[in-house]
């Protein structure tokens, strides 16, 4: 069964003004929203493919080019705004620019903004 998810990519934005004595936290800025096929990594898959980082939770397969860095994050919009962080740079397995593969780790965070 293929799960389809709607994801918003966010970039971390550092404060541009003097943060003051208590500091000013960074914020997240929405960059783009795209649909992806979602493939969860189960324990059997992790055991089969030795070397997989144990924090990996899902593989997202976007159609077209989705450019991101590992400091960005994805919000799974139609699954309760769950936050997922990239664990690997984007990949294009067949170098055709038809798909972008993102390996992510689910967090316990939810984006409420």
Protein backbone atom coordinates (compact mmCIF):
# COMPACT_ATOMS: atom_id res chain seq x y z
CA UNK A 1 0.00 0.00 0.00
CA UNK A 2 1.33 3.41 -0.97
CA UNK A 3 0.72 6.31 1.36
CA UNK A 4 0.42 9.74 -0.25
CA UNK A 5 1.32 12.75 1.88
CA UNK A 6 1.30 16.50 1.49
CA UNK A 7 4.50 18.11 2.77
CA UNK A 8 5.58 21.68 3.34
CA UNK A 9 9.32 22.30 3.32
CA UNK A 10 10.54 24.88 5.82
CA UNK A 11 13.89 26.66 6.12
CA UNK A 12 15.32 27.87 9.40
CA UNK A 13 15.49 31.67 9.56
CA UNK A 14 17.90 33.25 12.00
CA UNK A 15 16.92 36.61 13.56
CA UNK A 16 18.26 39.55 11.58
CA UNK A 17 18.28 42.11 14.39
CA UNK A 18 20.15 42.31 17.70
CA UNK A 19 18.77 39.41 19.71
CA UNK A 20 19.08 41.16 23.10
CA UNK A 21 20.22 39.62 26.38
CA UNK A 22 17.81 36.67 26.30
CA UNK A 23 18.36 35.95 22.62
CA UNK A 24 15.77 35.64 19.93
CA UNK A 25 14.89 32.17 18.68
CA UNK A 26 15.14 31.23 15.05
CA UNK A 27 11.88 30.80 13.19
CA UNK A 28 10.78 28.55 10.33
CA UNK A 29 9.68 29.88 6.97
CA UNK A 30 7.51 27.90 4.53
CA UNK A 31 9.26 27.45 1.18
CA UNK A 32 7.18 25.08 -0.90
CA UNK A 33 4.45 22.47 -0.61
CA UNK A 34 4.43 19.24 -2.60
CA UNK A 35 2.84 15.80 -2.57
CA UNK A 36 4.98 12.71 -2.10
CA UNK A 37 4.71 8.96 -1.86
CA UNK A 38 5.59 7.93 1.71
CA UNK A 39 7.40 4.66 2.43
CA UNK A 40 7.97 3.81 6.11
CA UNK A 41 11.14 1.96 7.10
CA UNK A 42 10.29 -1.02 9.25
CA UNK A 43 12.64 -2.95 11.48
CA UNK A 44 12.91 -5.74 8.88
CA UNK A 45 14.02 -3.26 6.20
CA UNK A 46 16.59 -1.75 8.56
CA UNK A 47 17.96 -5.21 9.34
CA UNK A 48 18.07 -6.15 5.64
CA UNK A 49 19.92 -3.01 4.59
CA UNK A 50 22.75 -2.86 7.06
CA UNK A 51 24.20 0.58 7.41
CA UNK A 52 20.83 2.33 7.50
CA UNK A 53 20.85 4.94 10.21
CA UNK A 54 18.54 3.71 12.97
CA UNK A 55 16.85 7.12 13.14
CA UNK A 56 15.57 6.86 9.57
CA UNK A 57 11.80 6.49 9.64
CA UNK A 58 10.50 7.19 6.11
CA UNK A 59 11.50 7.66 2.50
CA UNK A 60 9.63 10.41 0.65
CA UNK A 61 9.42 10.22 -3.13
CA UNK A 62 8.57 13.60 -4.64
CA UNK A 63 7.76 14.02 -8.32
CA UNK A 64 10.14 16.51 -9.90
CA UNK A 65 12.96 18.37 -8.22
CA UNK A 66 12.62 19.30 -4.55
CA UNK A 67 15.74 21.06 -3.37
CA UNK A 68 16.45 21.00 0.37
CA UNK A 69 19.32 20.85 2.83
CA UNK A 70 19.63 18.70 5.91
CA UNK A 71 19.02 21.79 8.05
CA UNK A 72 15.50 22.17 6.59
CA UNK A 73 12.48 20.28 7.81
CA UNK A 74 9.30 18.83 6.33
CA UNK A 75 5.84 19.23 7.81
CA UNK A 76 3.51 16.32 6.99
CA UNK A 77 0.44 18.50 6.50
CA UNK A 78 -2.25 15.86 6.11
CA UNK A 79 -0.94 13.78 9.03
CA UNK A 80 -1.36 16.21 11.92
CA UNK A 81 1.48 18.59 10.91
CA UNK A 82 4.11 16.15 12.13
CA UNK A 83 7.69 17.38 11.79
CA UNK A 84 10.19 15.27 9.85
CA UNK A 85 13.85 16.13 9.46
CA UNK A 86 16.04 15.13 6.50
CA UNK A 87 18.80 12.66 7.29
CA UNK A 88 20.46 12.67 3.85
CA UNK A 89 20.85 15.23 1.04
CA UNK A 90 18.27 14.92 -1.77
CA UNK A 91 18.89 12.20 -4.32
CA UNK A 92 17.80 11.65 -7.90
CA UNK A 93 18.24 7.89 -8.35
CA UNK A 94 18.10 7.79 -12.16
CA UNK A 95 19.42 11.34 -12.69
CA UNK A 96 16.37 12.22 -14.79
CA UNK A 97 15.00 14.96 -12.51
CA UNK A 98 11.67 13.10 -12.51
CA UNK A 99 11.86 12.22 -8.81
CA UNK A 100 13.54 13.46 -5.66
CA UNK A 101 14.12 10.99 -2.84
CA UNK A 102 14.25 12.32 0.72
CA UNK A 103 15.25 10.11 3.65
CA UNK A 104 13.75 11.55 6.84
CA UNK A 105 13.38 10.90 10.54
CA UNK A 106 10.06 11.47 12.26
CA UNK A 107 10.22 13.63 15.37
CA UNK A 108 7.73 13.92 18.19
CA UNK A 109 7.22 17.57 17.28
CA UNK A 110 4.09 19.01 15.71
CA UNK A 111 4.15 22.31 13.84
CA UNK A 112 1.45 24.51 15.34
CA UNK A 113 2.24 27.58 13.27
